[in-house]
């Protein structure tokens, strides 16, 4: 990742760019390694650094810990200066913009600018939302007025109900009186003419 030659160059670059070393720290870990921590950037700079800066790093090498800290402190400092000064200073070269330390007044002025811009953006969003709601109400009112003009307030006509005549159910046939089986057998056994009366001859 880094070697001794790169570390030496980073030390020179850090001095040349007037890096504030108090914004980074290297602390030993319980397992004999080193934990590097950086303070957050003064202003949003993710759009200038790809990938965005990482604020912590753990390694077992003192060389890597120092090199990583210096490398990232330089990147963050240069990006902050470029972000704050772009469009705000004149007659400055890019080298002057990125290597000259920021003053407290420059940082405070830019933060005030960001706060004002965010408030304006919020108000614009709220105004846009209010206008959209107003337009929706007006559209609904216009639709209701068009329906009123076309149909008025007359109640809907009732749909006539057609009664369907129900067919009468045929009456059930009268029940045949119960006849015992013995009676039927007795009747069937009797002669056909047994019950007919014969006339006496004179």
N, C-alpha and C. Protein backbone atom coordinates (compact mmCIF):
# COMPACT_ATOMS: atom_id res chain seq x y z
N UNK A 1 0.84 -1.21 0.00
CA UNK A 1 0.00 0.00 0.00
C UNK A 1 0.88 1.26 0.00
N UNK A 2 1.78 1.38 0.95
CA UNK A 2 2.75 2.47 1.00
C UNK A 2 4.12 1.86 1.30
N UNK A 3 5.17 2.54 0.85
CA UNK A 3 6.52 2.11 1.22
C UNK A 3 7.26 3.30 1.83
N UNK A 4 8.50 3.10 2.22
CA UNK A 4 9.26 4.12 2.91
C UNK A 4 9.47 5.37 2.05
N UNK A 5 9.63 5.17 0.73
CA UNK A 5 9.84 6.31 -0.17
C UNK A 5 8.56 7.14 -0.27
N UNK A 6 7.44 6.46 -0.35
CA UNK A 6 6.17 7.18 -0.43
C UNK A 6 5.89 7.94 0.86
N UNK A 7 6.22 7.34 1.99
CA UNK A 7 6.03 8.03 3.27
C UNK A 7 6.86 9.30 3.33
N UNK A 8 8.09 9.23 2.87
CA UNK A 8 8.95 10.42 2.86
C UNK A 8 8.36 11.52 1.99
N UNK A 9 7.81 11.15 0.84
CA UNK A 9 7.21 12.14 -0.04
C UNK A 9 5.94 12.73 0.58
N UNK A 10 5.16 11.91 1.26
CA UNK A 10 3.94 12.40 1.92
C UNK A 10 4.27 13.39 3.03
N UNK A 11 5.33 13.16 3.73
CA UNK A 11 5.75 14.11 4.77
C UNK A 11 6.07 15.48 4.16
N UNK A 12 6.76 15.47 3.03
CA UNK A 12 7.08 16.72 2.35
C UNK A 12 5.82 17.41 1.84
N UNK A 13 4.94 16.61 1.22
CA UNK A 13 3.69 17.18 0.69
C UNK A 13 2.83 17.77 1.81
N UNK A 14 2.80 17.12 2.94
CA UNK A 14 2.01 17.62 4.06
C UNK A 14 2.54 18.98 4.53
N UNK A 15 3.84 19.12 4.59
CA UNK A 15 4.41 20.41 4.97
C UNK A 15 4.16 21.46 3.89
N UNK A 16 4.31 21.06 2.64
CA UNK A 16 4.15 22.01 1.53
C UNK A 16 2.70 22.51 1.45
N UNK A 17 1.73 21.63 1.82
CA UNK A 17 0.31 22.01 1.78
C UNK A 17 -0.20 22.56 3.11
N UNK A 18 0.71 22.79 4.04
CA UNK A 18 0.36 23.37 5.34
C UNK A 18 -0.80 22.61 5.99
N UNK A 19 -0.65 21.29 6.09
CA UNK A 19 -1.68 20.44 6.68
C UNK A 19 -1.72 20.63 8.19
N UNK A 20 -2.91 20.66 8.73
CA UNK A 20 -3.11 20.76 10.18
C UNK A 20 -3.10 19.35 10.76
N UNK A 21 -2.02 18.97 11.42
CA UNK A 21 -1.86 17.62 11.92
C UNK A 21 -2.76 17.33 13.13
N UNK A 22 -3.32 18.37 13.73
CA UNK A 22 -4.21 18.15 14.88
C UNK A 22 -5.54 17.52 14.45
N UNK A 23 -5.79 17.46 13.17
CA UNK A 23 -7.04 16.88 12.68
C UNK A 23 -6.92 15.38 12.46
N UNK A 24 -5.79 14.82 12.83
CA UNK A 24 -5.61 13.38 12.75
C UNK A 24 -4.87 12.88 13.97
N UNK A 25 -5.08 11.59 14.29
CA UNK A 25 -4.40 11.01 15.45
C UNK A 25 -4.10 9.54 15.17
N UNK A 26 -3.02 9.06 15.80
CA UNK A 26 -2.63 7.65 15.71
C UNK A 26 -2.50 7.13 17.12
N UNK A 27 -3.27 6.09 17.43
CA UNK A 27 -3.25 5.52 18.78
C UNK A 27 -2.98 4.03 18.69
N UNK A 28 -2.20 3.49 19.67
CA UNK A 28 -1.93 2.04 19.68
C UNK A 28 -3.17 1.26 20.08
N UNK A 29 -3.30 0.07 19.55
CA UNK A 29 -4.43 -0.79 19.89
C UNK A 29 -3.98 -1.85 20.89
N UNK A 30 -4.95 -2.57 21.46
CA UNK A 30 -4.64 -3.57 22.48
C UNK A 30 -3.83 -4.73 21.92
N UNK A 31 -3.96 -4.99 20.64
CA UNK A 31 -3.25 -6.14 20.04
C UNK A 31 -1.92 -5.74 19.40
N UNK A 32 -1.45 -4.53 19.71
CA UNK A 32 -0.15 -4.11 19.20
C UNK A 32 -0.20 -3.40 17.87
N UNK A 33 -1.39 -3.09 17.37
CA UNK A 33 -1.51 -2.38 16.10
C UNK A 33 -1.65 -0.88 16.30
N UNK A 34 -2.19 -0.22 15.27
CA UNK A 34 -2.35 1.23 15.31
C UNK A 34 -3.72 1.61 14.72
N UNK A 35 -4.42 2.49 15.42
CA UNK A 35 -5.72 2.97 14.97
C UNK A 35 -5.59 4.44 14.58
N UNK A 36 -5.94 4.74 13.35
CA UNK A 36 -5.86 6.11 12.84
C UNK A 36 -7.28 6.70 12.79
N UNK A 37 -7.43 7.92 13.31
CA UNK A 37 -8.72 8.60 13.29
C UNK A 37 -8.54 10.01 12.74
N UNK A 38 -9.47 10.42 11.88
CA UNK A 38 -9.45 11.76 11.30
C UNK A 38 -10.72 12.51 11.67
N UNK A 39 -10.62 13.83 11.81
CA UNK A 39 -11.80 14.63 12.07
C UNK A 39 -12.59 14.80 10.77
N UNK A 40 -13.88 14.99 10.91
CA UNK A 40 -14.74 15.15 9.73
C UNK A 40 -14.37 16.41 8.95
N UNK A 41 -14.55 16.42 7.66
CA UNK A 41 -14.26 17.62 6.85
C UNK A 41 -15.07 18.82 7.34
N UNK A 42 -14.55 20.01 7.12
CA UNK A 42 -15.22 21.24 7.56
C UNK A 42 -16.51 21.49 6.79
N UNK A 43 -16.53 21.07 5.53
CA UNK A 43 -17.69 21.26 4.65
C UNK A 43 -17.85 19.99 3.81
N UNK A 44 -19.01 19.78 3.21
CA UNK A 44 -19.20 18.59 2.36
C UNK A 44 -18.24 18.61 1.17
N UNK A 45 -17.50 17.52 1.00
CA UNK A 45 -16.52 17.44 -0.10
C UNK A 45 -16.61 16.13 -0.86
N UNK A 46 -17.67 15.35 -0.60
CA UNK A 46 -17.78 14.04 -1.26
C UNK A 46 -17.83 14.15 -2.78
N UNK A 47 -18.31 15.29 -3.29
CA UNK A 47 -18.39 15.45 -4.75
C UNK A 47 -17.02 15.72 -5.37
N UNK A 48 -16.03 16.01 -4.52
CA UNK A 48 -14.68 16.29 -5.04
C UNK A 48 -13.72 15.12 -4.86
N UNK A 49 -14.08 14.19 -4.00
CA UNK A 49 -13.20 13.05 -3.74
C UNK A 49 -13.93 11.75 -4.10
N UNK A 50 -13.29 10.95 -4.90
CA UNK A 50 -13.86 9.66 -5.30
C UNK A 50 -12.79 8.58 -5.10
N UNK A 51 -13.00 7.70 -4.12
CA UNK A 51 -14.17 7.58 -3.24
C UNK A 51 -14.12 8.62 -2.12
N UNK A 52 -15.25 8.83 -1.42
CA UNK A 52 -15.28 9.78 -0.30
C UNK A 52 -14.26 9.37 0.76
N UNK A 53 -13.76 10.34 1.51
CA UNK A 53 -12.72 10.02 2.50
C UNK A 53 -13.21 9.12 3.61
N UNK A 54 -12.34 8.20 4.02
CA UNK A 54 -12.61 7.35 5.18
C UNK A 54 -11.95 7.99 6.39
N UNK A 55 -12.65 7.99 7.51
CA UNK A 55 -12.16 8.71 8.69
C UNK A 55 -11.48 7.82 9.72
N UNK A 56 -11.36 6.53 9.45
CA UNK A 56 -10.69 5.64 10.40
C UNK A 56 -9.98 4.53 9.65
N UNK A 57 -8.90 4.04 10.27
CA UNK A 57 -8.08 3.01 9.63
C UNK A 57 -7.30 2.29 10.72
N UNK A 58 -7.24 0.97 10.64
CA UNK A 58 -6.51 0.17 11.62
C UNK A 58 -5.50 -0.69 10.88
N UNK A 59 -4.28 -0.70 11.38
CA UNK A 59 -3.22 -1.47 10.75
C UNK A 59 -2.22 -1.94 11.80
N UNK A 60 -1.43 -2.92 11.44
CA UNK A 60 -0.39 -3.42 12.34
C UNK A 60 0.96 -2.78 12.10
N UNK A 61 1.03 -1.87 11.12
CA UNK A 61 2.29 -1.25 10.74
C UNK A 61 2.27 0.24 11.06
N UNK A 62 3.30 0.71 11.74
CA UNK A 62 3.41 2.14 12.05
C UNK A 62 3.61 2.95 10.78
N UNK A 63 4.37 2.39 9.82
CA UNK A 63 4.60 3.08 8.55
C UNK A 63 3.28 3.30 7.81
N UNK A 64 2.49 2.23 7.74
CA UNK A 64 1.20 2.35 7.04
C UNK A 64 0.28 3.32 7.75
N UNK A 65 0.29 3.31 9.07
CA UNK A 65 -0.59 4.20 9.82
C UNK A 65 -0.25 5.66 9.54
N UNK A 66 1.03 6.01 9.58
CA UNK A 66 1.43 7.40 9.33
C UNK A 66 1.17 7.80 7.88
N UNK A 67 1.51 6.92 6.96
CA UNK A 67 1.34 7.25 5.54
C UNK A 67 -0.14 7.44 5.21
N UNK A 68 -0.99 6.55 5.74
CA UNK A 68 -2.44 6.67 5.46
C UNK A 68 -2.99 7.97 6.03
N UNK A 69 -2.58 8.32 7.24
CA UNK A 69 -3.07 9.55 7.85
C UNK A 69 -2.64 10.78 7.04
N UNK A 70 -1.36 10.85 6.67
CA UNK A 70 -0.88 12.01 5.92
C UNK A 70 -1.55 12.11 4.55
N UNK A 71 -1.69 10.98 3.88
CA UNK A 71 -2.32 10.96 2.55
C UNK A 71 -3.73 11.51 2.60
N UNK A 72 -4.50 11.07 3.57
CA UNK A 72 -5.89 11.50 3.66
C UNK A 72 -6.04 12.92 4.21
N UNK A 73 -5.16 13.34 5.09
CA UNK A 73 -5.20 14.73 5.57
C UNK A 73 -4.93 15.70 4.42
N UNK A 74 -3.97 15.35 3.56
CA UNK A 74 -3.67 16.20 2.40
C UNK A 74 -4.87 16.28 1.46
N UNK A 75 -5.48 15.13 1.16
CA UNK A 75 -6.63 15.11 0.23
C UNK A 75 -7.79 15.93 0.79
N UNK A 76 -8.09 15.75 2.06
CA UNK A 76 -9.22 16.47 2.67
C UNK A 76 -8.96 17.97 2.70
N UNK A 77 -7.75 18.38 3.10
CA UNK A 77 -7.42 19.80 3.19
C UNK A 77 -7.51 20.48 1.82
N UNK A 78 -6.98 19.85 0.80
CA UNK A 78 -7.01 20.44 -0.55
C UNK A 78 -8.46 20.52 -1.08
N UNK A 79 -9.25 19.49 -0.80
CA UNK A 79 -10.64 19.51 -1.26
C UNK A 79 -11.46 20.59 -0.54
N UNK A 80 -11.24 20.75 0.75
CA UNK A 80 -11.95 21.79 1.51
C UNK A 80 -11.63 23.18 0.95
N UNK A 81 -10.38 23.44 0.69
CA UNK A 81 -9.96 24.76 0.19
C UNK A 81 -10.54 25.02 -1.19
N UNK A 82 -10.54 23.98 -2.04
CA UNK A 82 -11.09 24.14 -3.38
C UNK A 82 -12.60 24.38 -3.31
N UNK A 83 -13.27 23.66 -2.43
CA UNK A 83 -14.72 23.79 -2.31
C UNK A 83 -15.12 25.19 -1.84
N UNK A 84 -14.44 25.70 -0.84
CA UNK A 84 -14.81 26.97 -0.24
C UNK A 84 -14.42 28.16 -1.13
N UNK A 85 -13.31 28.05 -1.80
CA UNK A 85 -12.79 29.21 -2.52
C UNK A 85 -13.21 29.31 -3.98
N UNK A 86 -13.68 28.20 -4.56
CA UNK A 86 -14.07 28.24 -5.98
C UNK A 86 -15.20 29.26 -6.18
N UNK A 87 -14.96 30.23 -7.07
CA UNK A 87 -15.94 31.27 -7.35
C UNK A 87 -15.96 32.38 -6.33
N UNK A 88 -15.08 32.33 -5.31
CA UNK A 88 -15.09 33.34 -4.26
C UNK A 88 -13.79 34.15 -4.20
N UNK A 89 -12.79 33.66 -4.85
CA UNK A 89 -11.52 34.40 -4.87
C UNK A 89 -11.16 34.69 -6.32
N UNK A 90 -10.47 35.76 -6.52
CA UNK A 90 -10.03 36.12 -7.87
C UNK A 90 -8.52 36.30 -7.89
N UNK A 91 -7.94 36.11 -9.03
CA UNK A 91 -6.51 36.27 -9.25
C UNK A 91 -5.68 35.26 -8.47
N UNK A 92 -6.32 34.13 -8.08
CA UNK A 92 -5.58 33.08 -7.38
C UNK A 92 -5.41 31.90 -8.34
N UNK A 93 -4.23 31.32 -8.33
CA UNK A 93 -4.00 30.12 -9.11
C UNK A 93 -4.53 28.92 -8.34
N UNK A 94 -4.65 27.80 -9.04
CA UNK A 94 -5.13 26.58 -8.38
C UNK A 94 -4.18 26.17 -7.27
N UNK A 95 -2.90 26.37 -7.47
CA UNK A 95 -1.92 26.02 -6.43
C UNK A 95 -2.15 26.86 -5.19
N UNK A 96 -2.38 28.16 -5.38
CA UNK A 96 -2.64 29.04 -4.24
C UNK A 96 -3.93 28.65 -3.52
N UNK A 97 -4.95 28.31 -4.29
CA UNK A 97 -6.24 27.97 -3.69
C UNK A 97 -6.14 26.72 -2.84
N UNK A 98 -5.43 25.70 -3.33
CA UNK A 98 -5.42 24.41 -2.64
C UNK A 98 -4.33 24.29 -1.58
N UNK A 99 -3.33 25.16 -1.61
CA UNK A 99 -2.22 25.02 -0.67
C UNK A 99 -2.21 26.08 0.44
N UNK A 100 -2.99 27.09 0.30
CA UNK A 100 -3.05 28.13 1.33
C UNK A 100 -4.07 27.73 2.39
N UNK A 101 -3.71 27.71 3.67
CA UNK A 101 -4.67 27.33 4.72
C UNK A 101 -5.89 28.24 4.74
N UNK A 102 -7.01 27.67 5.11
CA UNK A 102 -8.25 28.44 5.22
C UNK A 102 -8.25 29.26 6.50
N UNK A 103 -8.82 30.45 6.41
CA UNK A 103 -9.00 31.27 7.60
C UNK A 103 -10.35 30.95 8.24
N UNK A 104 -10.48 31.29 9.51
CA UNK A 104 -11.76 31.07 10.20
C UNK A 104 -12.89 31.85 9.53
N UNK A 105 -12.56 33.03 9.03
CA UNK A 105 -13.57 33.88 8.39
C UNK A 105 -14.08 33.23 7.10
N UNK A 106 -13.18 32.60 6.34
CA UNK A 106 -13.58 31.94 5.10
C UNK A 106 -14.53 30.77 5.40
N UNK A 107 -14.19 29.99 6.41
CA UNK A 107 -15.02 28.84 6.77
C UNK A 107 -16.38 29.30 7.26
N UNK A 108 -16.42 30.32 8.12
CA UNK A 108 -17.68 30.83 8.67
C UNK A 108 -18.56 31.41 7.56
N UNK A 109 -17.96 32.13 6.64
CA UNK A 109 -18.73 32.73 5.53
C UNK A 109 -19.34 31.65 4.65
N UNK A 110 -18.56 30.60 4.37
CA UNK A 110 -19.09 29.53 3.51
C UNK A 110 -20.19 28.75 4.21
N UNK A 111 -20.06 28.50 5.49
CA UNK A 111 -21.11 27.79 6.24
C UNK A 111 -22.39 28.62 6.28
N UNK A 112 -22.25 29.94 6.41
CA UNK A 112 -23.43 30.81 6.38
C UNK A 112 -24.11 30.76 5.01
N UNK A 113 -23.28 30.70 3.96
CA UNK A 113 -23.81 30.57 2.61
C UNK A 113 -24.59 29.26 2.45
N UNK A 114 -24.03 28.17 2.96
CA UNK A 114 -24.70 26.87 2.87
C UNK A 114 -26.02 26.89 3.63
N UNK A 115 -26.01 27.48 4.81
CA UNK A 115 -27.24 27.53 5.61
C UNK A 115 -28.33 28.31 4.89
N UNK A 116 -27.96 29.46 4.31
CA UNK A 116 -28.93 30.26 3.57
C UNK A 116 -29.45 29.50 2.36
N UNK A 117 -28.55 28.83 1.64
CA UNK A 117 -28.97 28.08 0.45
C UNK A 117 -29.92 26.95 0.82
N UNK A 118 -29.65 26.28 1.92
CA UNK A 118 -30.53 25.18 2.35
C UNK A 118 -31.91 25.71 2.75
N UNK A 119 -31.95 26.88 3.41
CA UNK A 119 -33.25 27.46 3.78
C UNK A 119 -34.05 27.83 2.55
N UNK A 120 -33.38 28.44 1.57
CA UNK A 120 -34.06 28.81 0.33
C UNK A 120 -34.60 27.57 -0.38
N UNK A 121 -33.79 26.51 -0.43
CA UNK A 121 -34.24 25.28 -1.08
C UNK A 121 -35.44 24.69 -0.36
N UNK A 122 -35.44 24.76 0.97
CA UNK A 122 -36.56 24.23 1.75
C UNK A 122 -37.83 25.03 1.48
N UNK A 123 -37.69 26.37 1.46
CA UNK A 123 -38.86 27.22 1.19
C UNK A 123 -39.40 26.98 -0.22
N UNK A 124 -38.51 26.81 -1.17
CA UNK A 124 -38.95 26.55 -2.55
C UNK A 124 -39.70 25.22 -2.64
N UNK A 125 -39.21 24.22 -1.92
CA UNK A 125 -39.90 22.92 -1.93
C UNK A 125 -41.27 23.04 -1.29
N UNK A 126 -41.37 23.77 -0.18
CA UNK A 126 -42.66 23.95 0.48
C UNK A 126 -43.62 24.73 -0.41
N UNK A 127 -43.11 25.77 -1.10
CA UNK A 127 -43.95 26.56 -2.00
C UNK A 127 -44.45 25.71 -3.16
N UNK A 128 -43.57 24.89 -3.70
CA UNK A 128 -43.96 24.02 -4.81
C UNK A 128 -45.04 23.03 -4.37
N UNK A 129 -44.89 22.49 -3.18
CA UNK A 129 -45.89 21.55 -2.67
C UNK A 129 -47.24 22.23 -2.46
N UNK A 130 -47.19 23.47 -1.92
CA UNK A 130 -48.44 24.21 -1.69
C UNK A 130 -49.13 24.53 -3.01
N UNK A 131 -48.36 24.88 -4.04
CA UNK A 131 -48.94 25.20 -5.34
C UNK A 131 -49.56 23.96 -5.98
N UNK A 132 -48.92 22.82 -5.80
CA UNK A 132 -49.47 21.58 -6.35
C UNK A 132 -50.79 21.22 -5.67
N UNK A 133 -50.86 21.41 -4.35
CA UNK A 133 -52.10 21.14 -3.63
C UNK A 133 -53.21 22.09 -4.07
N UNK A 134 -52.84 23.39 -4.27
CA UNK A 134 -53.83 24.37 -4.72
C UNK A 134 -54.36 24.01 -6.11
N UNK A 135 -53.44 23.61 -6.99
CA UNK A 135 -53.85 23.23 -8.34
C UNK A 135 -54.77 22.00 -8.30
N UNK A 136 -54.49 21.07 -7.40
CA UNK A 136 -55.35 19.88 -7.29
C UNK A 136 -56.74 20.26 -6.79
N UNK A 137 -56.82 21.19 -5.82
CA UNK A 137 -58.13 21.63 -5.32
C UNK A 137 -58.91 22.34 -6.42
N UNK A 138 -58.22 23.21 -7.16
CA UNK A 138 -58.90 23.94 -8.24
C UNK A 138 -59.41 22.98 -9.31
N UNK A 139 -58.62 21.97 -9.61
CA UNK A 139 -59.05 20.99 -10.60
C UNK A 139 -60.29 20.23 -10.13
N UNK A 140 -60.30 19.87 -8.84
CA UNK A 140 -61.45 19.15 -8.30
C UNK A 140 -62.68 20.03 -8.30
N UNK A 141 -62.50 21.31 -7.95
CA UNK A 141 -63.64 22.23 -7.95
C UNK A 141 -64.18 22.45 -9.36
N UNK A 142 -63.27 22.56 -10.33
CA UNK A 142 -63.71 22.74 -11.71
C UNK A 142 -64.48 21.50 -12.19
N UNK A 143 -64.00 20.33 -11.82
CA UNK A 143 -64.71 19.11 -12.20
C UNK A 143 -66.09 19.04 -11.58
N UNK A 144 -66.20 19.44 -10.31
CA UNK A 144 -67.50 19.44 -9.64
C UNK A 144 -68.44 20.44 -10.29
N UNK A 145 -67.91 21.62 -10.69
CA UNK A 145 -68.74 22.63 -11.34
C UNK A 145 -69.24 22.14 -12.70
N UNK A 146 -68.37 21.42 -13.42
CA UNK A 146 -68.78 20.90 -14.73
C UNK A 146 -69.89 19.86 -14.58
N UNK A 147 -69.79 19.01 -13.58
CA UNK A 147 -70.84 18.02 -13.34
C UNK A 147 -72.13 18.69 -12.92
N UNK A 148 -72.04 19.76 -12.11
CA UNK A 148 -73.22 20.49 -11.69
C UNK A 148 -73.93 21.13 -12.87
N UNK A 149 -73.10 21.73 -13.77
CA UNK A 149 -73.69 22.38 -14.94
C UNK A 149 -74.35 21.37 -15.88
N UNK A 150 -73.79 20.19 -15.96
CA UNK A 150 -74.32 19.20 -16.89
C UNK A 150 -75.52 18.45 -16.33
N UNK A 151 -75.46 18.10 -15.07
CA UNK A 151 -76.50 17.24 -14.52
C UNK A 151 -77.34 17.89 -13.44
N UNK A 152 -76.92 19.01 -12.94
CA UNK A 152 -77.69 19.66 -11.89
C UNK A 152 -77.76 18.82 -10.63
N UNK A 153 -78.79 19.16 -9.79
CA UNK A 153 -78.93 18.46 -8.53
C UNK A 153 -80.11 17.49 -8.52
N UNK A 154 -80.71 17.20 -9.73
CA UNK A 154 -81.87 16.31 -9.78
C UNK A 154 -81.50 14.94 -9.27
N UNK A 155 -82.37 14.40 -8.42
CA UNK A 155 -82.05 13.07 -7.90
C UNK A 155 -82.13 12.02 -9.00
N UNK A 156 -81.42 11.03 -8.85
CA UNK A 156 -81.43 9.94 -9.84
C UNK A 156 -82.79 9.28 -9.87
N UNK A 157 -83.31 9.02 -11.11
CA UNK A 157 -84.61 8.38 -11.26
C UNK A 157 -84.55 6.94 -10.79
N UNK A 158 -85.64 6.60 -10.08
CA UNK A 158 -85.68 5.23 -9.57
C UNK A 158 -85.94 4.26 -10.70
N UNK A 159 -85.33 3.18 -10.68
CA UNK A 159 -85.51 2.14 -11.69
C UNK A 159 -86.76 1.35 -11.33
N UNK A 160 -87.79 1.31 -12.27
CA UNK A 160 -89.02 0.58 -11.94
C UNK A 160 -88.74 -0.89 -11.68
N UNK A 161 -89.48 -1.40 -10.71
CA UNK A 161 -89.32 -2.79 -10.34
C UNK A 161 -90.44 -3.60 -10.99
N UNK A 162 -90.10 -4.54 -11.80
CA UNK A 162 -91.08 -5.38 -12.50
C UNK A 162 -91.32 -6.62 -11.66
N UNK A 163 -92.65 -6.77 -11.28
CA UNK A 163 -92.99 -7.93 -10.48
C UNK A 163 -93.23 -9.13 -11.37
N UNK A 164 -92.63 -10.18 -11.08
CA UNK A 164 -92.78 -11.41 -11.86
C UNK A 164 -93.80 -12.30 -11.15
N UNK A 165 -94.89 -12.65 -11.92
CA UNK A 165 -95.94 -13.50 -11.34
C UNK A 165 -95.39 -14.87 -11.06
N UNK A 166 -95.67 -15.33 -9.89
CA UNK A 166 -95.21 -16.65 -9.51
C UNK A 166 -96.20 -17.71 -9.95
N UNK A 167 -95.73 -18.75 -10.59
CA UNK A 167 -96.61 -19.83 -11.02
C UNK A 167 -97.11 -20.59 -9.80
N UNK A 168 -98.47 -20.94 -9.91
CA UNK A 168 -99.06 -21.67 -8.79
C UNK A 168 -98.58 -23.11 -8.80
N UNK A 169 -98.32 -23.59 -7.66
CA UNK A 169 -97.84 -24.97 -7.53
C UNK A 169 -99.05 -25.92 -7.54
N UNK A 170 -99.09 -26.90 -8.45
CA UNK A 170 -100.24 -27.81 -8.50
C UNK A 170 -100.44 -28.51 -7.17
N UNK A 171 -101.73 -28.67 -6.87
CA UNK A 171 -102.05 -29.30 -5.59
C UNK A 171 -101.65 -30.77 -5.61
N UNK A 172 -101.21 -31.20 -4.52
CA UNK A 172 -100.81 -32.61 -4.42
C UNK A 172 -102.04 -33.49 -4.46
N UNK A 173 -102.01 -34.62 -5.14
CA UNK A 173 -103.17 -35.52 -5.21
C UNK A 173 -103.55 -36.00 -3.81
N UNK A 174 -104.89 -36.22 -3.70
CA UNK A 174 -105.37 -36.67 -2.41
C UNK A 174 -104.76 -38.02 -2.08
N UNK A 175 -104.49 -38.17 -0.85
CA UNK A 175 -103.86 -39.42 -0.41
C UNK A 175 -104.86 -40.56 -0.41
N UNK A 176 -104.45 -41.69 -0.87
CA UNK A 176 -105.29 -42.89 -0.87
C UNK A 176 -105.36 -43.44 0.54
N UNK A 177 -106.62 -43.76 0.97
CA UNK A 177 -106.74 -44.29 2.35
C UNK A 177 -105.88 -45.54 2.49
N UNK A 178 -105.35 -45.68 3.65
CA UNK A 178 -104.52 -46.85 3.91
C UNK A 178 -105.36 -48.12 3.91
N UNK A 179 -104.94 -49.16 3.20
CA UNK A 179 -105.64 -50.44 3.15
C UNK A 179 -104.65 -51.50 3.60
N UNK A 180 -105.13 -52.34 4.47
CA UNK A 180 -104.22 -53.36 5.00
C UNK A 180 -103.99 -54.44 3.96
N UNK A 181 -102.85 -55.11 4.10
CA UNK A 181 -102.51 -56.19 3.17
C UNK A 181 -103.49 -57.33 3.28
N UNK A 182 -103.98 -57.60 4.49
CA UNK A 182 -104.92 -58.71 4.67
C UNK A 182 -106.22 -58.46 3.90
N UNK A 183 -106.68 -57.20 3.93
CA UNK A 183 -107.93 -56.87 3.20
C UNK A 183 -107.75 -57.09 1.72
N UNK A 184 -106.59 -56.63 1.19
CA UNK A 184 -106.36 -56.81 -0.24
C UNK A 184 -106.31 -58.28 -0.61
N UNK A 185 -105.69 -59.09 0.23
CA UNK A 185 -105.60 -60.51 -0.07
C UNK A 185 -106.97 -61.16 -0.02
N UNK A 186 -107.78 -60.74 0.91
CA UNK A 186 -109.11 -61.32 1.04
C UNK A 186 -109.96 -60.97 -0.16
N UNK A 187 -109.81 -59.69 -0.63
CA UNK A 187 -110.61 -59.29 -1.80
C UNK A 187 -110.18 -60.03 -3.06
N UNK A 188 -108.91 -60.27 -3.17
CA UNK A 188 -108.43 -60.94 -4.38
C UNK A 188 -108.80 -62.42 -4.38
N UNK A 189 -108.97 -62.99 -3.20
CA UNK A 189 -109.31 -64.41 -3.13
C UNK A 189 -110.79 -64.68 -3.35
N UNK A 190 -111.64 -63.69 -3.19
CA UNK A 190 -113.09 -63.87 -3.36
C UNK A 190 -113.42 -64.06 -4.83
N UNK A 191 -114.43 -64.88 -5.16
CA UNK A 191 -114.84 -65.05 -6.57
C UNK A 191 -115.32 -63.74 -7.13
N UNK A 192 -115.18 -63.62 -8.38
CA UNK A 192 -115.56 -62.37 -9.05
C UNK A 192 -117.03 -62.07 -8.85
N UNK A 193 -117.90 -63.11 -8.91
CA UNK A 193 -119.34 -62.90 -8.80
C UNK A 193 -119.87 -63.18 -7.42
N UNK A 194 -119.02 -63.30 -6.49
CA UNK A 194 -119.47 -63.70 -5.15
C UNK A 194 -120.34 -62.65 -4.53
N UNK A 195 -120.12 -61.45 -4.84
CA UNK A 195 -120.89 -60.37 -4.20
C UNK A 195 -122.07 -59.94 -5.02
N UNK A 196 -122.25 -60.54 -6.26
CA UNK A 196 -123.40 -60.14 -7.09
C UNK A 196 -124.64 -60.92 -6.65
N UNK A 197 -125.73 -60.24 -6.49
CA UNK A 197 -127.03 -60.89 -6.11
C UNK A 197 -127.71 -61.41 -7.33
N UNK A 198 -128.14 -62.71 -7.28
CA UNK A 198 -128.86 -63.31 -8.45
C UNK A 198 -130.36 -63.11 -8.21
N UNK A 199 -131.06 -62.93 -9.33
CA UNK A 199 -132.52 -62.74 -9.24
C UNK A 199 -133.20 -64.12 -9.24
N UNK A 200 -134.23 -64.24 -8.39
CA UNK A 200 -134.96 -65.52 -8.30
C UNK A 200 -135.89 -65.68 -9.47
N UNK A 201 -135.89 -66.91 -10.00
CA UNK A 201 -136.84 -67.19 -11.09
C UNK A 201 -138.19 -67.49 -10.50
N UNK A 202 -139.13 -66.96 -11.14
CA UNK A 202 -140.52 -67.26 -10.74
C UNK A 202 -140.95 -68.52 -11.39
